[in-house]
Amino acid sequence: MSEEEFFKEFGLRVKIYRLKCSFTQAHLGELVNMSEHRISQIENGKCNITLKTINKLSLALNIPSKKLFDFEE
């Protein structure tokens, strides 16, 4: 899997779990102290994020961090 594909798959997982929580990008951004634009970039695989951000996202989405990497699901 290329880096680009990896980021897109990761972003898709963020989006799936965000929608399961019925959160808007703006609301998720507020929960993790990021802009709506930054959440959009993550969901579209346009940026590389830190482990700290991954942890914040998983806590806000109430899922284990590993769920964001389960591309087979």
Protein backbone atom coordinates (compact mmCIF):
# COMPACT_ATOMS: atom_id res chain seq x y z
CA MET A 1 0.00 0.00 0.00
CA SER A 2 1.40 3.37 -0.96
CA GLU A 3 1.64 6.25 1.48
CA GLU A 4 -1.16 8.04 -0.38
CA GLU A 5 -3.44 5.00 -0.19
CA PHE A 6 -2.64 4.57 3.51
CA PHE A 7 -3.61 8.16 4.33
CA LYS A 8 -6.83 7.84 2.31
CA GLU A 9 -7.80 4.60 4.05
CA PHE A 10 -7.04 6.08 7.45
CA GLY A 11 -9.07 9.18 6.62
CA LEU A 12 -11.97 7.03 5.47
CA ARG A 13 -11.97 5.29 8.86
CA VAL A 14 -12.08 8.65 10.64
CA LYS A 15 -15.03 9.68 8.48
CA ILE A 16 -16.90 6.39 9.00
CA TYR A 17 -16.61 6.58 12.79
CA ARG A 18 -17.40 10.32 12.80
CA LEU A 19 -20.62 9.64 10.90
CA LYS A 20 -21.49 6.72 13.22
CA CYS A 21 -21.30 9.25 16.07
CA SER A 22 -23.45 11.69 14.07
CA PHE A 23 -20.73 14.32 14.37
CA THR A 24 -20.10 17.02 11.82
CA GLN A 25 -16.52 17.79 10.89
CA ALA A 26 -16.88 21.03 12.84
CA HIS A 27 -18.07 19.22 15.97
CA LEU A 28 -15.26 16.64 15.81
CA GLY A 29 -12.83 19.49 15.28
CA GLU A 30 -14.08 21.19 18.43
CA LEU A 31 -13.68 17.98 20.41
CA VAL A 32 -10.05 17.54 19.33
CA ASN A 33 -9.15 21.25 19.16
CA MET A 34 -8.73 21.37 15.37
CA SER A 35 -10.37 23.31 12.60
CA GLU A 36 -13.09 21.81 10.44
CA HIS A 37 -10.69 22.28 7.52
CA ARG A 38 -8.04 20.14 9.24
CA ILE A 39 -10.58 17.36 9.89
CA SER A 40 -11.52 17.51 6.21
CA GLN A 41 -7.85 17.20 5.23
CA ILE A 42 -7.45 14.15 7.48
CA GLU A 43 -10.59 12.49 6.09
CA ASN A 44 -9.43 13.11 2.54
CA GLY A 45 -5.96 11.70 3.17
CA LYS A 46 -4.29 15.04 2.54
CA CYS A 47 -2.12 15.23 5.65
CA ASN A 48 0.08 13.25 7.97
CA ILE A 49 -0.91 13.40 11.64
CA THR A 50 0.83 12.62 14.92
CA LEU A 51 0.16 9.84 17.38
CA LYS A 52 -1.15 12.50 19.75
CA THR A 53 -3.78 13.48 17.19
CA ILE A 54 -4.69 9.84 16.55
CA ASN A 55 -5.23 9.41 20.27
CA LYS A 56 -7.40 12.54 20.46
CA LEU A 57 -9.51 11.34 17.52
CA SER A 58 -10.03 7.88 19.00
CA LEU A 59 -11.02 9.32 22.37
CA ALA A 60 -13.47 11.76 20.75
CA LEU A 61 -14.95 8.96 18.61
CA ASN A 62 -15.02 6.61 21.62
CA ILE A 63 -13.12 3.83 19.84
CA PRO A 64 -9.76 2.12 20.34
CA SER A 65 -7.06 3.72 18.20
CA LYS A 66 -6.48 0.44 16.39
CA LYS A 67 -9.95 0.70 14.81
CA LEU A 68 -8.66 3.62 12.74
CA PHE A 69 -6.09 1.26 11.22
CA ASP A 70 -8.40 -1.68 10.54
CA PHE A 71 -8.58 -1.24 6.77
CA GLU A 72 -10.12 -4.71 6.33
CA GLU A 73 -13.26 -3.80 8.28
